[in-house]
Amino acid sequence: MENNTTVRNAFTMQLKPGFEAEYKLRHDTIWPELQTLLSESGIQDYSIFLDEKTLTLFAVQKLSKDFDTNFLPNHPIVKKWWSYMGDIMETNADNSPKTIVLKEVFHLD
């Protein structure tokens, strides 16, 4: 549910073949400092889904209205996580996951 203090954000990423279980394991044991950083930066209600046929990861999250899109990509903990995840996902040269931002075309509360 969106309210006047949050906006929904959705995007896709791509998992490399054979790493489905490893991806889940790494997120089941997400670093506490990363979890805290995400929450404190204004990310709430964050879920990632896997299409097992295409290995497409679909992420959806709620962001606070004052969420700073430049803060997390420059944070050392996020850079360390990207490096940690880089061997099992398609990434950019800086190890950030290749993402495709999705446009919302329908919502029902």
N, C-alpha and C. Protein backbone atom coordinates (compact mmCIF):
# COMPACT_ATOMS: atom_id res chain seq x y z
N MET A 1 0.84 -1.18 0.00
CA MET A 1 0.00 0.00 0.00
C MET A 1 0.88 1.24 0.00
N GLU A 2 0.61 2.16 -0.88
CA GLU A 2 1.36 3.40 -0.95
C GLU A 2 0.62 4.44 -0.13
N ASN A 3 1.37 5.26 0.55
CA ASN A 3 0.76 6.37 1.25
C ASN A 3 1.52 7.64 0.90
N ASN A 4 1.21 8.73 1.60
CA ASN A 4 1.83 10.00 1.23
C ASN A 4 3.30 10.11 1.64
N THR A 5 3.83 9.10 2.33
CA THR A 5 5.24 9.15 2.73
C THR A 5 6.09 8.12 2.00
N THR A 6 5.50 7.28 1.15
CA THR A 6 6.28 6.27 0.43
C THR A 6 5.88 6.21 -1.05
N VAL A 7 6.81 5.70 -1.85
CA VAL A 7 6.54 5.42 -3.26
C VAL A 7 7.00 3.99 -3.54
N ARG A 8 6.34 3.31 -4.44
CA ARG A 8 6.75 1.96 -4.82
C ARG A 8 7.83 2.03 -5.89
N ASN A 9 8.75 1.09 -5.83
CA ASN A 9 9.84 0.99 -6.79
C ASN A 9 9.97 -0.48 -7.18
N ALA A 10 10.08 -0.75 -8.46
CA ALA A 10 10.23 -2.14 -8.92
C ALA A 10 11.27 -2.19 -10.03
N PHE A 11 12.02 -3.31 -10.04
CA PHE A 11 13.06 -3.48 -11.05
C PHE A 11 13.37 -4.96 -11.18
N THR A 12 14.04 -5.31 -12.27
CA THR A 12 14.49 -6.68 -12.47
C THR A 12 16.01 -6.73 -12.48
N MET A 13 16.51 -7.92 -12.16
CA MET A 13 17.94 -8.23 -12.22
C MET A 13 18.03 -9.63 -12.82
N GLN A 14 19.22 -10.09 -13.13
CA GLN A 14 19.38 -11.40 -13.76
C GLN A 14 20.35 -12.27 -12.97
N LEU A 15 19.87 -13.44 -12.59
CA LEU A 15 20.69 -14.42 -11.88
C LEU A 15 21.39 -15.31 -12.90
N LYS A 16 22.62 -15.69 -12.58
CA LYS A 16 23.35 -16.61 -13.46
C LYS A 16 22.83 -18.04 -13.23
N PRO A 17 22.82 -18.87 -14.27
CA PRO A 17 22.33 -20.25 -14.14
C PRO A 17 23.07 -21.04 -13.07
N GLY A 18 22.31 -21.83 -12.32
CA GLY A 18 22.88 -22.72 -11.32
C GLY A 18 23.08 -22.10 -9.95
N PHE A 19 22.71 -20.83 -9.78
CA PHE A 19 22.94 -20.15 -8.52
C PHE A 19 21.66 -19.82 -7.75
N GLU A 20 20.57 -20.48 -8.08
CA GLU A 20 19.30 -20.20 -7.41
C GLU A 20 19.39 -20.41 -5.90
N ALA A 21 19.90 -21.56 -5.48
CA ALA A 21 19.99 -21.88 -4.05
C ALA A 21 20.98 -20.96 -3.35
N GLU A 22 22.08 -20.65 -4.00
CA GLU A 22 23.10 -19.78 -3.40
C GLU A 22 22.56 -18.36 -3.21
N TYR A 23 21.80 -17.87 -4.19
CA TYR A 23 21.21 -16.54 -4.08
C TYR A 23 20.28 -16.49 -2.87
N LYS A 24 19.44 -17.49 -2.73
CA LYS A 24 18.51 -17.55 -1.59
C LYS A 24 19.29 -17.63 -0.28
N LEU A 25 20.30 -18.47 -0.21
CA LEU A 25 21.11 -18.61 1.00
C LEU A 25 21.74 -17.28 1.41
N ARG A 26 22.31 -16.59 0.44
CA ARG A 26 22.97 -15.31 0.76
C ARG A 26 21.98 -14.29 1.28
N HIS A 27 20.75 -14.31 0.78
CA HIS A 27 19.75 -13.37 1.28
C HIS A 27 19.13 -13.84 2.59
N ASP A 28 19.07 -15.13 2.81
CA ASP A 28 18.59 -15.64 4.10
C ASP A 28 19.54 -15.27 5.22
N THR A 29 20.80 -15.04 4.87
CA THR A 29 21.82 -14.67 5.86
C THR A 29 22.37 -13.27 5.57
N ILE A 30 21.49 -12.38 5.13
CA ILE A 30 21.91 -11.01 4.80
C ILE A 30 22.62 -10.39 6.00
N TRP A 31 23.64 -9.64 5.72
CA TRP A 31 24.43 -9.02 6.77
C TRP A 31 23.57 -8.05 7.58
N PRO A 32 23.61 -8.12 8.90
CA PRO A 32 22.81 -7.21 9.72
C PRO A 32 23.09 -5.74 9.42
N GLU A 33 24.36 -5.40 9.16
CA GLU A 33 24.69 -4.00 8.88
C GLU A 33 24.10 -3.53 7.55
N LEU A 34 23.96 -4.43 6.59
CA LEU A 34 23.32 -4.08 5.32
C LEU A 34 21.82 -3.90 5.54
N GLN A 35 21.22 -4.80 6.27
CA GLN A 35 19.79 -4.71 6.55
C GLN A 35 19.47 -3.38 7.26
N THR A 36 20.28 -3.02 8.24
CA THR A 36 20.08 -1.76 8.96
C THR A 36 20.25 -0.57 8.02
N LEU A 37 21.28 -0.61 7.20
CA LEU A 37 21.54 0.48 6.26
C LEU A 37 20.36 0.67 5.30
N LEU A 38 19.84 -0.41 4.76
CA LEU A 38 18.70 -0.32 3.84
C LEU A 38 17.50 0.32 4.54
N SER A 39 17.20 -0.15 5.73
CA SER A 39 16.06 0.39 6.48
C SER A 39 16.25 1.87 6.80
N GLU A 40 17.44 2.20 7.30
CA GLU A 40 17.71 3.59 7.69
C GLU A 40 17.77 4.54 6.51
N SER A 41 18.05 4.02 5.32
CA SER A 41 18.11 4.87 4.12
C SER A 41 16.72 5.17 3.56
N GLY A 42 15.70 4.44 4.05
CA GLY A 42 14.33 4.72 3.61
C GLY A 42 13.72 3.61 2.77
N ILE A 43 14.32 2.43 2.74
CA ILE A 43 13.74 1.29 2.03
C ILE A 43 12.91 0.48 3.02
N GLN A 44 11.67 0.20 2.63
CA GLN A 44 10.77 -0.58 3.46
C GLN A 44 10.11 -1.65 2.60
N ASP A 45 9.58 -2.66 3.25
CA ASP A 45 8.76 -3.65 2.57
C ASP A 45 9.41 -4.10 1.25
N TYR A 46 10.61 -4.65 1.35
CA TYR A 46 11.45 -5.01 0.20
C TYR A 46 11.35 -6.51 -0.03
N SER A 47 10.92 -6.91 -1.22
CA SER A 47 10.83 -8.32 -1.59
C SER A 47 11.52 -8.53 -2.93
N ILE A 48 12.11 -9.72 -3.09
CA ILE A 48 12.69 -10.13 -4.37
C ILE A 48 12.10 -11.48 -4.72
N PHE A 49 11.59 -11.61 -5.93
CA PHE A 49 10.98 -12.85 -6.43
C PHE A 49 11.85 -13.39 -7.56
N LEU A 50 11.84 -14.70 -7.74
CA LEU A 50 12.62 -15.35 -8.80
C LEU A 50 11.69 -16.05 -9.78
N ASP A 51 11.85 -15.75 -11.07
CA ASP A 51 11.20 -16.51 -12.13
C ASP A 51 12.15 -17.66 -12.45
N GLU A 52 11.82 -18.86 -12.03
CA GLU A 52 12.73 -19.99 -12.15
C GLU A 52 12.98 -20.43 -13.59
N LYS A 53 12.10 -20.05 -14.51
CA LYS A 53 12.30 -20.41 -15.92
C LYS A 53 13.33 -19.51 -16.60
N THR A 54 13.30 -18.22 -16.27
CA THR A 54 14.19 -17.27 -16.95
C THR A 54 15.34 -16.79 -16.06
N LEU A 55 15.28 -17.11 -14.77
CA LEU A 55 16.24 -16.65 -13.76
C LEU A 55 16.22 -15.13 -13.60
N THR A 56 15.08 -14.54 -13.97
CA THR A 56 14.89 -13.11 -13.73
C THR A 56 14.48 -12.90 -12.28
N LEU A 57 15.16 -11.97 -11.64
CA LEU A 57 14.81 -11.56 -10.29
C LEU A 57 13.95 -10.31 -10.39
N PHE A 58 12.82 -10.31 -9.70
CA PHE A 58 11.91 -9.18 -9.69
C PHE A 58 11.90 -8.60 -8.28
N ALA A 59 12.31 -7.36 -8.14
CA ALA A 59 12.37 -6.71 -6.83
C ALA A 59 11.32 -5.62 -6.75
N VAL A 60 10.69 -5.54 -5.59
CA VAL A 60 9.72 -4.47 -5.33
C VAL A 60 9.96 -3.98 -3.91
N GLN A 61 9.90 -2.68 -3.77
CA GLN A 61 10.17 -2.07 -2.47
C GLN A 61 9.39 -0.77 -2.35
N LYS A 62 9.22 -0.35 -1.12
CA LYS A 62 8.66 0.97 -0.85
C LYS A 62 9.81 1.85 -0.40
N LEU A 63 9.84 3.05 -0.96
CA LEU A 63 10.88 4.02 -0.64
C LEU A 63 10.25 5.24 0.02
N SER A 64 10.92 5.77 1.03
CA SER A 64 10.43 7.01 1.63
C SER A 64 10.50 8.12 0.58
N LYS A 65 9.64 9.10 0.71
CA LYS A 65 9.61 10.20 -0.27
C LYS A 65 10.94 10.93 -0.36
N ASP A 66 11.70 10.93 0.75
CA ASP A 66 12.99 11.62 0.75
C ASP A 66 14.16 10.68 0.48
N PHE A 67 13.90 9.50 -0.06
CA PHE A 67 14.95 8.54 -0.37
C PHE A 67 15.95 9.15 -1.34
N ASP A 68 17.23 9.06 -1.02
CA ASP A 68 18.30 9.61 -1.85
C ASP A 68 18.89 8.50 -2.72
N THR A 69 18.60 8.52 -4.00
CA THR A 69 19.04 7.46 -4.92
C THR A 69 20.56 7.42 -5.09
N ASN A 70 21.26 8.47 -4.71
CA ASN A 70 22.72 8.50 -4.84
C ASN A 70 23.45 8.00 -3.60
N PHE A 71 22.76 7.86 -2.48
CA PHE A 71 23.42 7.50 -1.23
C PHE A 71 23.90 6.04 -1.22
N LEU A 72 23.01 5.09 -1.44
CA LEU A 72 23.39 3.67 -1.32
C LEU A 72 24.46 3.21 -2.30
N PRO A 73 24.39 3.58 -3.57
CA PRO A 73 25.42 3.11 -4.50
C PRO A 73 26.84 3.54 -4.14
N ASN A 74 26.96 4.55 -3.32
CA ASN A 74 28.27 5.05 -2.93
C ASN A 74 28.70 4.60 -1.53
N HIS A 75 27.85 3.83 -0.87
CA HIS A 75 28.15 3.41 0.50
C HIS A 75 29.06 2.17 0.49
N PRO A 76 30.10 2.13 1.34
CA PRO A 76 31.03 0.99 1.36
C PRO A 76 30.37 -0.37 1.63
N ILE A 77 29.35 -0.41 2.46
CA ILE A 77 28.68 -1.70 2.74
C ILE A 77 27.98 -2.21 1.48
N VAL A 78 27.34 -1.32 0.76
CA VAL A 78 26.66 -1.71 -0.49
C VAL A 78 27.68 -2.16 -1.52
N LYS A 79 28.77 -1.46 -1.65
CA LYS A 79 29.83 -1.86 -2.60
C LYS A 79 30.39 -3.24 -2.24
N LYS A 80 30.54 -3.50 -0.94
CA LYS A 80 31.03 -4.81 -0.48
C LYS A 80 30.00 -5.90 -0.82
N TRP A 81 28.71 -5.62 -0.63
CA TRP A 81 27.65 -6.58 -0.96
C TRP A 81 27.64 -6.88 -2.46
N TRP A 82 27.76 -5.83 -3.26
CA TRP A 82 27.79 -6.02 -4.71
C TRP A 82 28.94 -6.92 -5.11
N SER A 83 30.09 -6.71 -4.51
CA SER A 83 31.24 -7.55 -4.80
C SER A 83 30.97 -9.00 -4.40
N TYR A 84 30.36 -9.18 -3.25
CA TYR A 84 30.00 -10.50 -2.74
C TYR A 84 29.01 -11.21 -3.66
N MET A 85 28.08 -10.49 -4.25
CA MET A 85 27.04 -11.06 -5.10
C MET A 85 27.45 -11.14 -6.57
N GLY A 86 28.53 -10.49 -6.95
CA GLY A 86 28.92 -10.36 -8.35
C GLY A 86 29.18 -11.65 -9.08
N ASP A 87 29.54 -12.70 -8.37
CA ASP A 87 29.83 -13.96 -9.04
C ASP A 87 28.58 -14.75 -9.43
N ILE A 88 27.42 -14.34 -8.92
CA ILE A 88 26.21 -15.13 -9.21
C ILE A 88 25.13 -14.33 -9.95
N MET A 89 25.43 -13.07 -10.26
CA MET A 89 24.46 -12.22 -10.95
C MET A 89 25.14 -11.51 -12.12
N GLU A 90 24.33 -11.06 -13.07
CA GLU A 90 24.86 -10.20 -14.12
C GLU A 90 25.08 -8.82 -13.52
N THR A 91 26.29 -8.28 -13.72
CA THR A 91 26.65 -7.01 -13.10
C THR A 91 27.26 -6.04 -14.10
N ASN A 92 27.31 -4.79 -13.66
CA ASN A 92 28.00 -3.74 -14.39
C ASN A 92 29.48 -3.78 -14.00
N ALA A 93 30.28 -2.95 -14.62
CA ALA A 93 31.73 -2.92 -14.36
C ALA A 93 32.06 -2.63 -12.89
N ASP A 94 31.19 -1.89 -12.19
CA ASP A 94 31.45 -1.56 -10.78
C ASP A 94 30.85 -2.61 -9.81
N ASN A 95 30.45 -3.75 -10.35
CA ASN A 95 29.83 -4.85 -9.59
C ASN A 95 28.38 -4.59 -9.21
N SER A 96 27.82 -3.43 -9.51
CA SER A 96 26.41 -3.20 -9.23
C SER A 96 25.59 -4.13 -10.13
N PRO A 97 24.46 -4.62 -9.62
CA PRO A 97 23.66 -5.51 -10.46
C PRO A 97 23.09 -4.76 -11.66
N LYS A 98 23.07 -5.42 -12.81
CA LYS A 98 22.40 -4.84 -13.97
C LYS A 98 20.91 -4.87 -13.65
N THR A 99 20.28 -3.72 -13.72
CA THR A 99 18.86 -3.62 -13.38
C THR A 99 18.09 -2.98 -14.52
N ILE A 100 16.83 -3.33 -14.58
CA ILE A 100 15.89 -2.68 -15.49
C ILE A 100 14.77 -2.15 -14.61
N VAL A 101 14.63 -0.83 -14.56
CA VAL A 101 13.57 -0.21 -13.78
C VAL A 101 12.24 -0.44 -14.49
N LEU A 102 11.23 -0.79 -13.72
CA LEU A 102 9.92 -1.08 -14.28
C LEU A 102 8.96 0.08 -14.02
N LYS A 103 8.13 0.36 -15.01
CA LYS A 103 7.12 1.41 -14.90
C LYS A 103 5.84 0.80 -14.35
N GLU A 104 5.29 1.39 -13.32
CA GLU A 104 4.03 0.91 -12.77
C GLU A 104 2.90 1.27 -13.71
N VAL A 105 2.09 0.29 -14.08
CA VAL A 105 0.96 0.55 -14.97
C VAL A 105 -0.38 0.21 -14.32
N PHE A 106 -0.36 -0.40 -13.13
CA PHE A 106 -1.59 -0.71 -12.40
C PHE A 106 -1.27 -0.94 -10.95
N HIS A 107 -2.17 -0.50 -10.09
CA HIS A 107 -2.04 -0.76 -8.64
C HIS A 107 -3.43 -0.84 -8.04
N LEU A 108 -3.63 -1.77 -7.14
CA LEU A 108 -4.90 -1.91 -6.42
C LEU A 108 -4.58 -2.09 -4.95
N ASP A 109 -5.10 -1.22 -4.12
CA ASP A 109 -4.97 -1.37 -2.66
C ASP A 109 -6.06 -2.28 -2.14
